[in-house]
Amino acid sequence: IFLSKKDSDYIVNADNEAIKNLEIFKNMNFEEIDFYVFYVKYLSKKEYEAQKVLVGYNGIDGKEVTMSKLKEDINKIRDSRSTFKN
């Protein structure tokens, strides 16, 4: 994933092409970060729970949520794909 900090908020994007091609991202410095590292470093830390984050996949669909909500959504997706479902 790609992570950028703007003011006191974070921007998370999963699509490298959007970052390269969309004008809105031209002046932002995105850092490529491994998903596991992002999960451990940001999503699992109590001090980031209320931190606002703008999440987008293709640069067009953006949604502002808290880190806590993002973690909850990611866990739902993970759990829905689990091979150990009841």
N, C-alpha and C. Protein backbone atom coordinates (compact mmCIF):
# COMPACT_ATOMS: atom_id res chain seq x y z
N ILE A 1 0.85 -1.18 0.00
CA ILE A 1 0.00 0.00 0.00
C ILE A 1 0.89 1.23 0.00
N PHE A 2 0.28 2.37 -0.28
CA PHE A 2 1.01 3.63 -0.33
C PHE A 2 0.41 4.57 0.71
N LEU A 3 1.28 5.19 1.49
CA LEU A 3 0.87 6.00 2.63
C LEU A 3 1.48 7.39 2.53
N SER A 4 0.66 8.40 2.78
CA SER A 4 1.13 9.79 2.81
C SER A 4 0.48 10.47 4.01
N LYS A 5 1.20 11.40 4.61
CA LYS A 5 0.63 12.17 5.73
C LYS A 5 0.45 13.60 5.25
N LYS A 6 -0.76 14.10 5.40
CA LYS A 6 -1.07 15.48 5.03
C LYS A 6 -1.67 16.16 6.25
N ASP A 7 -0.99 17.20 6.71
CA ASP A 7 -1.37 17.87 7.95
C ASP A 7 -1.38 16.83 9.07
N SER A 8 -2.51 16.64 9.72
CA SER A 8 -2.56 15.65 10.81
C SER A 8 -3.26 14.36 10.38
N ASP A 9 -3.62 14.27 9.10
CA ASP A 9 -4.33 13.09 8.60
C ASP A 9 -3.44 12.26 7.69
N TYR A 10 -3.86 11.03 7.44
CA TYR A 10 -3.14 10.12 6.56
C TYR A 10 -3.96 9.86 5.31
N ILE A 11 -3.28 9.55 4.22
CA ILE A 11 -3.92 9.13 2.99
C ILE A 11 -3.35 7.76 2.67
N VAL A 12 -4.23 6.79 2.47
CA VAL A 12 -3.83 5.43 2.14
C VAL A 12 -4.39 5.10 0.77
N ASN A 13 -3.54 4.60 -0.11
CA ASN A 13 -3.99 4.21 -1.45
C ASN A 13 -3.36 2.89 -1.80
N ALA A 14 -4.11 2.05 -2.48
CA ALA A 14 -3.61 0.73 -2.84
C ALA A 14 -3.17 0.65 -4.29
N ASP A 15 -3.32 1.73 -5.05
CA ASP A 15 -3.04 1.67 -6.48
C ASP A 15 -1.92 2.62 -6.87
N ASN A 16 -0.79 2.08 -7.26
CA ASN A 16 0.37 2.87 -7.67
C ASN A 16 0.08 3.71 -8.92
N GLU A 17 -0.71 3.19 -9.85
CA GLU A 17 -1.02 3.93 -11.08
C GLU A 17 -1.78 5.22 -10.77
N ALA A 18 -2.69 5.17 -9.82
CA ALA A 18 -3.44 6.38 -9.45
C ALA A 18 -2.50 7.44 -8.91
N ILE A 19 -1.54 7.03 -8.12
CA ILE A 19 -0.60 7.98 -7.53
C ILE A 19 0.25 8.63 -8.61
N LYS A 20 0.65 7.85 -9.60
CA LYS A 20 1.49 8.37 -10.68
C LYS A 20 0.72 9.25 -11.65
N ASN A 21 -0.56 8.94 -11.89
CA ASN A 21 -1.29 9.57 -12.98
C ASN A 21 -2.30 10.63 -12.59
N LEU A 22 -2.75 10.67 -11.37
CA LEU A 22 -3.77 11.65 -10.99
C LEU A 22 -3.14 12.93 -10.47
N GLU A 23 -3.63 14.04 -10.97
CA GLU A 23 -3.09 15.36 -10.63
C GLU A 23 -3.14 15.64 -9.13
N ILE A 24 -4.19 15.18 -8.48
CA ILE A 24 -4.37 15.45 -7.05
C ILE A 24 -3.21 14.92 -6.21
N PHE A 25 -2.54 13.86 -6.69
CA PHE A 25 -1.46 13.24 -5.93
C PHE A 25 -0.07 13.73 -6.32
N LYS A 26 0.03 14.57 -7.33
CA LYS A 26 1.33 14.97 -7.88
C LYS A 26 2.26 15.61 -6.84
N ASN A 27 1.72 16.38 -5.92
CA ASN A 27 2.56 17.08 -4.94
C ASN A 27 2.60 16.40 -3.57
N MET A 28 2.16 15.16 -3.53
CA MET A 28 2.17 14.41 -2.26
C MET A 28 3.29 13.38 -2.31
N ASN A 29 3.92 13.20 -1.19
CA ASN A 29 4.98 12.19 -1.09
C ASN A 29 4.41 10.93 -0.46
N PHE A 30 4.19 9.92 -1.30
CA PHE A 30 3.70 8.65 -0.80
C PHE A 30 4.87 7.73 -0.52
N GLU A 31 4.76 7.00 0.55
CA GLU A 31 5.75 6.01 0.93
C GLU A 31 5.12 4.64 0.70
N GLU A 32 5.82 3.79 -0.04
CA GLU A 32 5.31 2.43 -0.21
C GLU A 32 5.64 1.66 1.07
N ILE A 33 4.64 1.00 1.60
CA ILE A 33 4.82 0.29 2.87
C ILE A 33 4.13 -1.06 2.78
N ASP A 34 4.79 -2.07 3.29
CA ASP A 34 4.22 -3.41 3.31
C ASP A 34 2.95 -3.40 4.16
N PHE A 35 1.93 -4.12 3.69
CA PHE A 35 0.66 -4.11 4.41
C PHE A 35 0.82 -4.57 5.86
N TYR A 36 1.59 -5.62 6.09
CA TYR A 36 1.77 -6.12 7.46
C TYR A 36 2.42 -5.06 8.35
N VAL A 37 3.40 -4.36 7.82
CA VAL A 37 4.07 -3.29 8.58
C VAL A 37 3.06 -2.18 8.90
N PHE A 38 2.24 -1.81 7.92
CA PHE A 38 1.21 -0.79 8.14
C PHE A 38 0.24 -1.24 9.23
N TYR A 39 -0.17 -2.50 9.18
CA TYR A 39 -1.11 -3.02 10.16
C TYR A 39 -0.52 -2.96 11.57
N VAL A 40 0.72 -3.40 11.70
CA VAL A 40 1.37 -3.44 13.01
C VAL A 40 1.72 -2.04 13.51
N LYS A 41 2.26 -1.22 12.61
CA LYS A 41 2.77 0.10 13.01
C LYS A 41 1.66 1.13 13.25
N TYR A 42 0.57 1.03 12.49
CA TYR A 42 -0.49 2.04 12.60
C TYR A 42 -1.83 1.48 13.10
N LEU A 43 -2.34 0.45 12.44
CA LEU A 43 -3.67 -0.04 12.77
C LEU A 43 -3.75 -0.69 14.15
N SER A 44 -2.67 -1.26 14.61
CA SER A 44 -2.69 -1.96 15.89
C SER A 44 -2.29 -1.09 17.08
N LYS A 45 -1.99 0.16 16.85
CA LYS A 45 -1.54 1.05 17.93
C LYS A 45 -2.71 1.88 18.45
N LYS A 46 -2.87 1.88 19.75
CA LYS A 46 -3.95 2.62 20.39
C LYS A 46 -3.89 4.12 20.08
N GLU A 47 -2.69 4.68 20.00
CA GLU A 47 -2.57 6.13 19.77
C GLU A 47 -3.06 6.57 18.39
N TYR A 48 -3.24 5.63 17.46
CA TYR A 48 -3.71 5.98 16.12
C TYR A 48 -5.19 5.70 15.91
N GLU A 49 -5.88 5.11 16.89
CA GLU A 49 -7.27 4.69 16.72
C GLU A 49 -8.19 5.80 16.19
N ALA A 50 -8.08 7.00 16.72
CA ALA A 50 -8.96 8.10 16.32
C ALA A 50 -8.40 8.92 15.16
N GLN A 51 -7.21 8.59 14.70
CA GLN A 51 -6.56 9.32 13.60
C GLN A 51 -7.40 9.19 12.34
N LYS A 52 -7.63 10.31 11.66
CA LYS A 52 -8.40 10.28 10.43
C LYS A 52 -7.51 9.83 9.27
N VAL A 53 -8.12 9.06 8.38
CA VAL A 53 -7.40 8.56 7.22
C VAL A 53 -8.33 8.59 6.02
N LEU A 54 -7.82 9.05 4.89
CA LEU A 54 -8.56 9.03 3.63
C LEU A 54 -8.11 7.79 2.88
N VAL A 55 -9.04 6.90 2.62
CA VAL A 55 -8.72 5.63 1.99
C VAL A 55 -9.26 5.64 0.57
N GLY A 56 -8.41 5.24 -0.38
CA GLY A 56 -8.84 5.14 -1.76
C GLY A 56 -8.17 3.99 -2.46
N TYR A 57 -8.85 3.45 -3.47
CA TYR A 57 -8.23 2.38 -4.24
C TYR A 57 -7.73 2.92 -5.58
N ASN A 58 -8.56 3.66 -6.27
CA ASN A 58 -8.18 4.10 -7.59
C ASN A 58 -7.98 5.61 -7.68
N GLY A 59 -7.92 6.27 -6.56
CA GLY A 59 -7.70 7.71 -6.55
C GLY A 59 -8.97 8.52 -6.69
N ILE A 60 -10.03 7.89 -7.10
CA ILE A 60 -11.30 8.59 -7.29
C ILE A 60 -12.22 8.32 -6.12
N ASP A 61 -12.29 7.08 -5.71
CA ASP A 61 -13.16 6.68 -4.61
C ASP A 61 -12.43 6.89 -3.30
N GLY A 62 -12.69 7.99 -2.65
CA GLY A 62 -12.04 8.27 -1.37
C GLY A 62 -13.06 8.28 -0.25
N LYS A 63 -12.67 7.77 0.89
CA LYS A 63 -13.57 7.72 2.03
C LYS A 63 -12.77 8.07 3.27
N GLU A 64 -13.25 9.04 4.04
CA GLU A 64 -12.56 9.41 5.27
C GLU A 64 -13.12 8.59 6.43
N VAL A 65 -12.23 7.88 7.10
CA VAL A 65 -12.59 7.05 8.25
C VAL A 65 -11.51 7.21 9.31
N THR A 66 -11.73 6.61 10.46
CA THR A 66 -10.67 6.57 11.48
C THR A 66 -9.83 5.32 11.24
N MET A 67 -8.63 5.30 11.81
CA MET A 67 -7.78 4.11 11.71
C MET A 67 -8.51 2.92 12.31
N SER A 68 -9.25 3.15 13.38
CA SER A 68 -10.00 2.08 14.04
C SER A 68 -11.03 1.47 13.09
N LYS A 69 -11.75 2.30 12.36
CA LYS A 69 -12.75 1.83 11.40
C LYS A 69 -12.08 1.11 10.24
N LEU A 70 -10.96 1.62 9.77
CA LEU A 70 -10.22 0.96 8.69
C LEU A 70 -9.79 -0.44 9.13
N LYS A 71 -9.29 -0.54 10.34
CA LYS A 71 -8.88 -1.85 10.87
C LYS A 71 -10.07 -2.80 10.95
N GLU A 72 -11.20 -2.28 11.41
CA GLU A 72 -12.42 -3.09 11.51
C GLU A 72 -12.84 -3.60 10.13
N ASP A 73 -12.81 -2.73 9.13
CA ASP A 73 -13.19 -3.12 7.76
C ASP A 73 -12.23 -4.15 7.19
N ILE A 74 -10.95 -3.97 7.43
CA ILE A 74 -9.94 -4.92 6.94
C ILE A 74 -10.14 -6.28 7.61
N ASN A 75 -10.42 -6.27 8.90
CA ASN A 75 -10.64 -7.53 9.61
C ASN A 75 -11.89 -8.25 9.10
N LYS A 76 -12.94 -7.50 8.75
CA LYS A 76 -14.15 -8.11 8.19
C LYS A 76 -13.84 -8.80 6.87
N ILE A 77 -13.07 -8.13 6.03
CA ILE A 77 -12.69 -8.72 4.73
C ILE A 77 -11.86 -9.97 4.96
N ARG A 78 -10.90 -9.88 5.84
CA ARG A 78 -10.05 -11.03 6.15
C ARG A 78 -10.89 -12.20 6.66
N ASP A 79 -11.78 -11.91 7.60
CA ASP A 79 -12.60 -12.97 8.19
C ASP A 79 -13.55 -13.59 7.17
N SER A 80 -14.06 -12.80 6.24
CA SER A 80 -14.98 -13.33 5.23
C SER A 80 -14.28 -14.26 4.25
N ARG A 81 -12.97 -14.14 4.15
CA ARG A 81 -12.19 -14.99 3.24
C ARG A 81 -11.53 -16.16 3.95
N SER A 82 -11.74 -16.27 5.22
CA SER A 82 -11.10 -17.31 6.01
C SER A 82 -11.59 -18.70 5.59
N THR A 83 -10.67 -19.64 5.53
CA THR A 83 -11.05 -21.02 5.21
C THR A 83 -11.56 -21.75 6.44
N PHE A 84 -11.50 -21.10 7.59
CA PHE A 84 -11.94 -21.71 8.84
C PHE A 84 -13.31 -21.20 9.29
N LYS A 85 -14.11 -20.69 8.34
CA LYS A 85 -15.44 -20.19 8.69
C LYS A 85 -16.34 -21.33 9.14
N ASN A 86 -17.29 -21.00 10.00
CA ASN A 86 -18.25 -22.01 10.47
C ASN A 86 -19.26 -22.31 9.42
